[in-house]
């Protein structure tokens, strides 16, 4: 039996060394070490051995099994490495070939205009602040001198989430929060999304973007407001742009004005874009109402200020001559690629 075991070891190792594939290795493992393998068949005969021979043959059988298993593992590892090397050779990357081109995206026209506005006002010393899109009725209306029975509320078609919580209809609420948290002098702008229950058409959307601005300090006058807005208009539309201030009404400013710029399409001569007037309305502004200052703990006898609200979407469509505001929100790549 000892000779049989040595013969199995020698034959198995030779066969394993000459194996050509992983499958062939597996077949040899079954042939020699499987339940019906040659080594197993020998071990079944150990019952007929004497008590002295049994431990000697058992030890030899374990050595033979171990050597066969080691040979199988070694040869299998060699075959795996050889297969990997062959695969790597076939999949060699040709670095001289041109790579696949990657399309580079760009900024949305609203973001382009927004970034320009931030740059302009920061260059004039304004801080950029943020405010929540879900606001309370107090900050969106009451603190801005628009009580519950004020007719100006009808103009804003507000989305109410409950009796006192709304989607903000203007970023002016951030001005109130800023005045409550800071002492004058204050010089800030707040850009962001606002929401109004408007019917969707070429010039209206229930979601649009505003930038509110506020300056509060001692001795602030309408001349300061005009100077800031004229500089802003020329930065956006060009040095030749003319600016016109028309009297208007807003509950939170007194006096209030609408601000127009000369039509960039016709140069003020009158065309389809400006409806023949030569002017395009771009924002509303005015001196901060004393009631608003007083609510925020600022003495209107000592301090004064001005505020303005810019429609970023309107600036984008007039600046880039976009005919329909809905194009800004439809995510049509053919439209966006132009920017």
Protein backbone atom coordinates (compact mmCIF):
# COMPACT_ATOMS: atom_id res chain seq x y z
CA UNK A 1 0.00 0.00 0.00
CA UNK A 2 2.92 2.28 0.69
CA UNK A 3 4.18 1.78 -2.87
CA UNK A 4 0.69 2.50 -4.20
CA UNK A 5 0.57 5.81 -2.33
CA UNK A 6 3.99 6.87 -3.60
CA UNK A 7 2.95 5.90 -7.11
CA UNK A 8 -0.21 8.00 -6.84
CA UNK A 9 1.85 10.98 -5.63
CA UNK A 10 4.34 10.74 -8.48
CA UNK A 11 1.70 10.19 -11.16
CA UNK A 12 -0.53 13.01 -9.86
CA UNK A 13 2.29 15.57 -9.66
CA UNK A 14 3.44 14.75 -13.19
CA UNK A 15 -0.11 15.07 -14.52
CA UNK A 16 -0.63 18.36 -12.70
CA UNK A 17 2.62 19.83 -14.06
CA UNK A 18 1.56 18.91 -17.61
CA UNK A 19 -2.00 20.25 -17.26
CA UNK A 20 -2.94 22.89 -19.85
CA UNK A 21 -6.06 24.47 -18.38
CA UNK A 22 -7.89 25.23 -15.16
CA UNK A 23 -10.56 22.73 -16.20
CA UNK A 24 -7.96 20.00 -16.57
CA UNK A 25 -6.60 20.83 -13.09
CA UNK A 26 -10.10 20.42 -11.66
CA UNK A 27 -10.51 17.05 -13.37
CA UNK A 28 -7.21 15.85 -11.82
CA UNK A 29 -8.35 16.99 -8.37
CA UNK A 30 -11.51 14.91 -8.70
CA UNK A 31 -9.53 11.94 -10.09
CA UNK A 32 -7.11 11.78 -7.17
CA UNK A 33 -8.85 13.48 -4.23
CA UNK A 34 -12.57 13.15 -4.97
CA UNK A 35 -14.97 10.85 -3.14
CA UNK A 36 -14.36 8.18 -5.75
CA UNK A 37 -10.75 9.20 -6.39
CA UNK A 38 -7.68 6.97 -6.34
CA UNK A 39 -6.40 8.20 -2.97
CA UNK A 40 -9.80 7.72 -1.38
CA UNK A 41 -9.96 4.18 -2.72
CA UNK A 42 -6.62 3.38 -1.07
CA UNK A 43 -7.74 4.83 2.26
CA UNK A 44 -10.81 2.59 2.24
CA UNK A 45 -8.48 -0.41 2.38
CA UNK A 46 -6.84 0.69 5.65
CA UNK A 47 -9.32 -1.35 7.63
CA UNK A 48 -7.43 -4.48 6.65
CA UNK A 49 -4.10 -3.23 8.02
CA UNK A 50 -2.59 -4.21 11.33
CA UNK A 51 -2.60 -1.82 14.28
CA UNK A 52 1.12 -1.11 13.76
CA UNK A 53 0.79 -0.34 10.00
CA UNK A 54 -2.36 1.78 10.19
CA UNK A 55 -0.78 5.01 11.70
CA UNK A 56 2.22 4.80 9.37
CA UNK A 57 0.08 4.44 6.25
CA UNK A 58 -2.35 7.08 7.53
CA UNK A 59 0.44 9.61 7.98
CA UNK A 60 1.81 8.84 4.51
CA UNK A 61 -1.68 9.16 3.02
CA UNK A 62 -2.06 12.62 4.59
CA UNK A 63 1.35 13.64 3.21
CA UNK A 64 0.36 12.46 -0.27
CA UNK A 65 -2.96 14.35 -0.06
CA UNK A 66 -1.17 17.50 1.11
CA UNK A 67 1.44 17.36 -1.66
CA UNK A 68 -1.25 16.84 -4.33
CA UNK A 69 -3.35 19.72 -2.97
CA UNK A 70 -0.25 22.00 -2.87
CA UNK A 71 0.65 21.06 -6.45
CA UNK A 72 -2.91 21.75 -7.61
CA UNK A 73 -2.96 25.18 -5.85
CA UNK A 74 0.45 26.17 -7.25
CA UNK A 75 -0.36 25.12 -10.79
CA UNK A 76 -3.79 26.77 -10.60
CA UNK A 77 -2.23 30.08 -9.50
CA UNK A 78 0.27 29.92 -12.36
CA UNK A 79 -2.55 29.37 -14.84
CA UNK A 80 -4.57 32.30 -13.45
CA UNK A 81 -1.58 34.64 -13.78
CA UNK A 82 -0.88 33.39 -17.29
CA UNK A 83 -4.53 33.94 -18.26
CA UNK A 84 -4.47 37.45 -16.78
CA UNK A 85 -1.27 38.36 -18.62
CA UNK A 86 -2.72 37.06 -21.87
CA UNK A 87 -5.88 39.12 -21.33
CA UNK A 88 -3.85 42.24 -20.54
CA UNK A 89 -1.80 41.76 -23.69
CA UNK A 90 -4.95 41.55 -25.79
CA UNK A 91 -6.47 44.62 -24.07
CA UNK A 92 -3.44 46.89 -24.36
CA UNK A 93 -4.52 50.54 -24.52
CA UNK A 94 -3.25 52.51 -27.49
CA UNK A 95 -2.53 55.90 -25.94
CA UNK A 96 -1.85 57.39 -29.38
CA UNK A 97 -5.53 57.10 -30.30
CA UNK A 98 -7.66 60.23 -29.86
CA UNK A 99 -9.85 60.12 -26.75
CA UNK A 100 -13.60 60.46 -26.69
CA UNK A 101 -14.64 64.10 -26.57
CA UNK A 102 -16.58 65.24 -23.49
CA UNK A 103 -19.24 67.91 -23.93
CA UNK A 104 -18.70 70.83 -21.60
CA UNK A 105 -21.74 72.47 -20.10
CA UNK A 106 -22.31 76.14 -19.41
CA UNK A 107 -24.18 78.41 -17.05
CA UNK A 108 -27.91 78.96 -17.40
CA UNK A 109 -28.74 82.50 -18.63
CA UNK A 110 -30.39 83.27 -15.28
CA UNK A 111 -27.21 82.26 -13.45
CA UNK A 112 -25.11 84.35 -15.84
CA UNK A 113 -27.19 87.44 -15.09
CA UNK A 114 -27.29 86.64 -11.36
CA UNK A 115 -23.50 86.34 -11.18
CA UNK A 116 -23.13 89.64 -13.03
CA UNK A 117 -25.54 91.35 -10.61
CA UNK A 118 -23.65 90.02 -7.60
CA UNK A 119 -20.35 91.25 -9.06
CA UNK A 120 -21.82 94.69 -9.77
CA UNK A 121 -23.30 95.23 -6.32
CA UNK A 122 -20.37 93.74 -4.45
CA UNK A 123 -18.13 96.18 -6.30
CA UNK A 124 -20.31 98.95 -4.81
CA UNK A 125 -19.89 97.56 -1.29
CA UNK A 126 -23.08 95.52 -0.92
CA UNK A 127 -23.17 92.31 1.12
CA UNK A 128 -25.00 89.27 -0.32
CA UNK A 129 -27.42 87.64 2.12
CA UNK A 130 -29.89 84.79 1.89
CA UNK A 131 -33.35 84.16 3.25
CA UNK A 132 -35.81 81.24 3.50
CA UNK A 133 -38.12 80.46 0.57
CA UNK A 134 -40.82 79.34 3.00
CA UNK A 135 -41.70 82.49 4.93
CA UNK A 136 -44.14 83.70 7.54
CA UNK A 137 -46.90 86.13 6.73
CA UNK A 138 -45.26 88.60 9.11
CA UNK A 139 -41.93 88.87 7.26
CA UNK A 140 -43.47 88.70 3.78
CA UNK A 141 -46.24 91.24 4.41
CA UNK A 142 -46.86 92.65 7.90
CA UNK A 143 -43.33 93.90 8.57
CA UNK A 144 -43.24 95.44 5.08
CA UNK A 145 -46.20 97.72 5.89
CA UNK A 146 -48.73 95.44 4.16
CA UNK A 147 -51.35 94.47 6.80
CA UNK A 148 -53.91 91.72 6.25
CA UNK A 149 -56.55 94.06 4.78
CA UNK A 150 -54.16 95.96 2.49
CA UNK A 151 -55.23 95.90 -1.20
CA UNK A 152 -51.61 95.44 -2.30
CA UNK A 153 -51.85 91.80 -1.22
CA UNK A 154 -54.22 91.11 -4.11
CA UNK A 155 -51.41 91.95 -6.56
CA UNK A 156 -49.14 89.15 -5.32
CA UNK A 157 -51.39 86.03 -5.61
CA UNK A 158 -49.57 84.28 -2.80
CA UNK A 159 -49.19 80.51 -2.26
CA UNK A 160 -50.33 79.91 1.35
CA UNK A 161 -49.17 76.68 3.01
CA UNK A 162 -51.30 77.45 6.06
CA UNK A 163 -52.77 80.58 7.64
CA UNK A 164 -49.39 82.07 8.58
CA UNK A 165 -46.89 80.24 6.34
CA UNK A 166 -46.36 80.99 2.65
CA UNK A 167 -43.98 80.55 -0.24
CA UNK A 168 -42.36 83.97 -0.30
CA UNK A 169 -43.71 86.27 -3.00
CA UNK A 170 -40.71 88.62 -2.74
CA UNK A 171 -37.19 88.51 -1.36
CA UNK A 172 -37.92 91.72 0.56
CA UNK A 173 -38.52 89.54 3.61
CA UNK A 174 -34.74 89.10 3.86
CA UNK A 175 -34.42 92.88 4.27
CA UNK A 176 -36.56 92.74 7.41
CA UNK A 177 -34.55 89.86 8.84
CA UNK A 178 -31.32 91.74 8.10
CA UNK A 179 -32.52 94.95 9.77
CA UNK A 180 -33.60 92.98 12.84
CA UNK A 181 -30.18 91.33 13.13
CA UNK A 182 -27.87 94.23 12.21
CA UNK A 183 -27.53 97.82 13.19
CA UNK A 184 -27.04 100.52 10.51
CA UNK A 185 -25.14 101.11 8.36
CA UNK A 186 -26.64 98.31 6.27
CA UNK A 187 -25.87 97.67 2.62
CA UNK A 188 -27.13 94.34 1.26
CA UNK A 189 -28.71 92.49 -1.65
CA UNK A 190 -30.67 89.26 -1.46
CA UNK A 191 -31.12 87.16 -4.64
CA UNK A 192 -33.41 84.14 -4.76
CA UNK A 193 -36.52 82.39 -6.05
CA UNK A 194 -39.98 83.75 -5.36
CA UNK A 195 -43.43 82.28 -5.96
CA UNK A 196 -46.72 83.79 -7.13
CA UNK A 197 -49.86 82.12 -8.45
CA UNK A 198 -49.48 83.61 -11.92
CA UNK A 199 -50.87 82.08 -15.08
CA UNK A 200 -48.07 80.74 -17.25
CA UNK A 201 -47.58 82.68 -20.48
CA UNK A 202 -44.79 84.31 -22.49
CA UNK A 203 -44.10 86.91 -19.78
CA UNK A 204 -45.30 85.28 -16.53
CA UNK A 205 -44.28 82.26 -14.46
CA UNK A 206 -45.37 81.06 -10.99
CA UNK A 207 -41.66 80.65 -10.13
CA UNK A 208 -39.19 83.42 -10.93
CA UNK A 209 -36.12 85.14 -9.50
CA UNK A 210 -35.62 88.47 -7.75
CA UNK A 211 -32.80 90.44 -6.23
CA UNK A 212 -33.81 92.86 -3.50
CA UNK A 213 -31.42 95.56 -2.38
CA UNK A 214 -31.35 97.70 0.77
CA UNK A 215 -29.24 100.56 2.08
CA UNK A 216 -29.86 102.11 5.52
CA UNK A 217 -27.65 104.79 7.06
CA UNK A 218 -27.71 108.38 8.19
CA UNK A 219 -28.38 110.93 5.45
CA UNK A 220 -29.44 108.50 2.67
CA UNK A 221 -31.49 110.30 -0.02
CA UNK A 222 -33.15 109.62 -3.37
CA UNK A 223 -29.97 110.90 -5.04
CA UNK A 224 -28.08 107.91 -3.61
CA UNK A 225 -30.74 105.55 -4.97
CA UNK A 226 -30.55 107.10 -8.44
CA UNK A 227 -26.78 106.94 -8.48
CA UNK A 228 -26.68 103.24 -7.59
CA UNK A 229 -29.38 102.25 -10.09
CA UNK A 230 -27.90 104.29 -12.95
CA UNK A 231 -24.53 102.63 -12.37
CA UNK A 232 -26.21 99.22 -12.29
CA UNK A 233 -28.11 99.85 -15.54
CA UNK A 234 -24.99 100.97 -17.41
CA UNK A 235 -23.06 97.94 -16.15
CA UNK A 236 -25.78 95.59 -17.40
CA UNK A 237 -26.91 97.24 -20.64
CA UNK A 238 -23.93 99.41 -21.62
CA UNK A 239 -22.59 102.92 -21.09
CA UNK A 240 -25.04 104.49 -23.54
CA UNK A 241 -28.07 103.28 -21.59
CA UNK A 242 -30.48 105.98 -20.42
CA UNK A 243 -32.46 105.60 -17.19
CA UNK A 244 -35.88 107.04 -16.39
CA UNK A 245 -37.56 107.21 -12.97
CA UNK A 246 -41.38 107.31 -12.87
CA UNK A 247 -43.45 107.95 -9.72
CA UNK A 248 -45.19 104.81 -8.46
CA UNK A 249 -46.54 103.23 -5.29
CA UNK A 250 -45.25 100.43 -3.05
CA UNK A 251 -46.46 100.00 0.54
CA UNK A 252 -42.95 99.59 1.93
CA UNK A 253 -41.33 102.62 0.24
CA UNK A 254 -42.24 106.31 0.22
CA UNK A 255 -41.68 107.93 -2.22
CA UNK A 256 -41.63 105.06 -4.74
CA UNK A 257 -40.52 104.87 -8.37
CA UNK A 258 -40.58 102.52 -11.36
CA UNK A 259 -37.26 102.44 -13.21
CA UNK A 260 -37.09 102.18 -17.02
CA UNK A 261 -34.08 101.85 -19.31
CA UNK A 262 -33.82 102.84 -22.95
CA UNK A 263 -34.66 99.89 -25.21
CA UNK A 264 -31.49 98.08 -26.22
CA UNK A 265 -33.20 96.77 -29.35
CA UNK A 266 -34.06 100.12 -30.95
CA UNK A 267 -31.96 102.56 -28.92
CA UNK A 268 -35.06 104.40 -27.68
CA UNK A 269 -36.70 104.95 -31.06
CA UNK A 270 -39.60 102.57 -30.48
CA UNK A 271 -40.01 98.96 -31.63
CA UNK A 272 -41.95 95.74 -31.05
CA UNK A 273 -39.88 94.85 -27.97
CA UNK A 274 -40.60 98.11 -26.13
CA UNK A 275 -44.11 98.40 -27.63
CA UNK A 276 -43.17 101.61 -29.40
CA UNK A 277 -42.32 103.53 -26.23
CA UNK A 278 -38.53 103.36 -26.49
CA UNK A 279 -38.35 102.30 -22.80
CA UNK A 280 -38.39 98.98 -20.91
CA UNK A 281 -39.39 98.74 -17.25
CA UNK A 282 -36.80 96.76 -15.26
CA UNK A 283 -37.43 97.32 -11.54
CA UNK A 284 -39.22 99.11 -8.72
CA UNK A 285 -37.56 101.11 -5.96
CA UNK A 286 -38.01 103.86 -3.39
CA UNK A 287 -37.08 105.28 0.00
CA UNK A 288 -37.74 102.85 2.86
CA UNK A 289 -41.04 103.68 4.56
CA UNK A 290 -40.62 105.00 8.15
CA UNK A 291 -43.06 102.34 9.40
CA UNK A 292 -40.77 99.58 8.08
CA UNK A 293 -37.73 101.07 9.82
CA UNK A 294 -39.67 101.54 13.04
CA UNK A 295 -40.86 97.88 13.06
CA UNK A 296 -37.23 96.76 12.85
CA UNK A 297 -36.15 98.92 15.78
CA UNK A 298 -34.49 101.62 13.63
CA UNK A 299 -35.33 105.25 14.40
CA UNK A 300 -36.57 106.90 11.15
CA UNK A 301 -35.74 110.31 12.63
CA UNK A 302 -32.06 109.32 12.66
CA UNK A 303 -31.74 106.88 9.78
CA UNK A 304 -33.12 106.69 6.27
CA UNK A 305 -32.65 104.24 3.46
CA UNK A 306 -33.62 103.08 0.01
CA UNK A 307 -34.68 99.70 -1.38
CA UNK A 308 -35.08 98.21 -4.85
CA UNK A 309 -36.29 94.96 -6.39
CA UNK A 310 -34.90 93.59 -9.65
CA UNK A 311 -36.57 90.85 -11.71
CA UNK A 312 -33.62 88.66 -12.74
CA UNK A 313 -35.67 86.73 -15.30
CA UNK A 314 -36.80 89.98 -16.92
CA UNK A 315 -33.20 91.16 -17.11
CA UNK A 316 -32.22 87.88 -18.75
CA UNK A 317 -34.90 88.00 -21.45
CA UNK A 318 -34.26 91.67 -22.27
CA UNK A 319 -30.48 91.27 -22.21
CA UNK A 320 -30.45 88.20 -24.47
CA UNK A 321 -33.56 89.17 -26.50
CA UNK A 322 -35.49 86.04 -25.43
CA UNK A 323 -39.07 86.18 -26.67
CA UNK A 324 -40.70 83.78 -24.17
CA UNK A 325 -39.91 83.46 -20.44
CA UNK A 326 -40.96 79.80 -20.54
CA UNK A 327 -37.78 78.99 -22.47
CA UNK A 328 -35.82 79.69 -19.27
CA UNK A 329 -37.52 76.80 -17.46
CA UNK A 330 -38.11 74.13 -20.14
CA UNK A 331 -34.51 72.78 -20.12
CA UNK A 332 -34.35 72.55 -23.90
CA UNK A 333 -30.67 71.87 -24.64
CA UNK A 334 -30.98 73.48 -28.09
CA UNK A 335 -31.91 76.74 -26.38
CA UNK A 336 -29.41 76.51 -23.52
CA UNK A 337 -26.46 75.70 -25.80
CA UNK A 338 -26.61 79.28 -27.12
CA UNK A 339 -25.25 80.53 -23.81
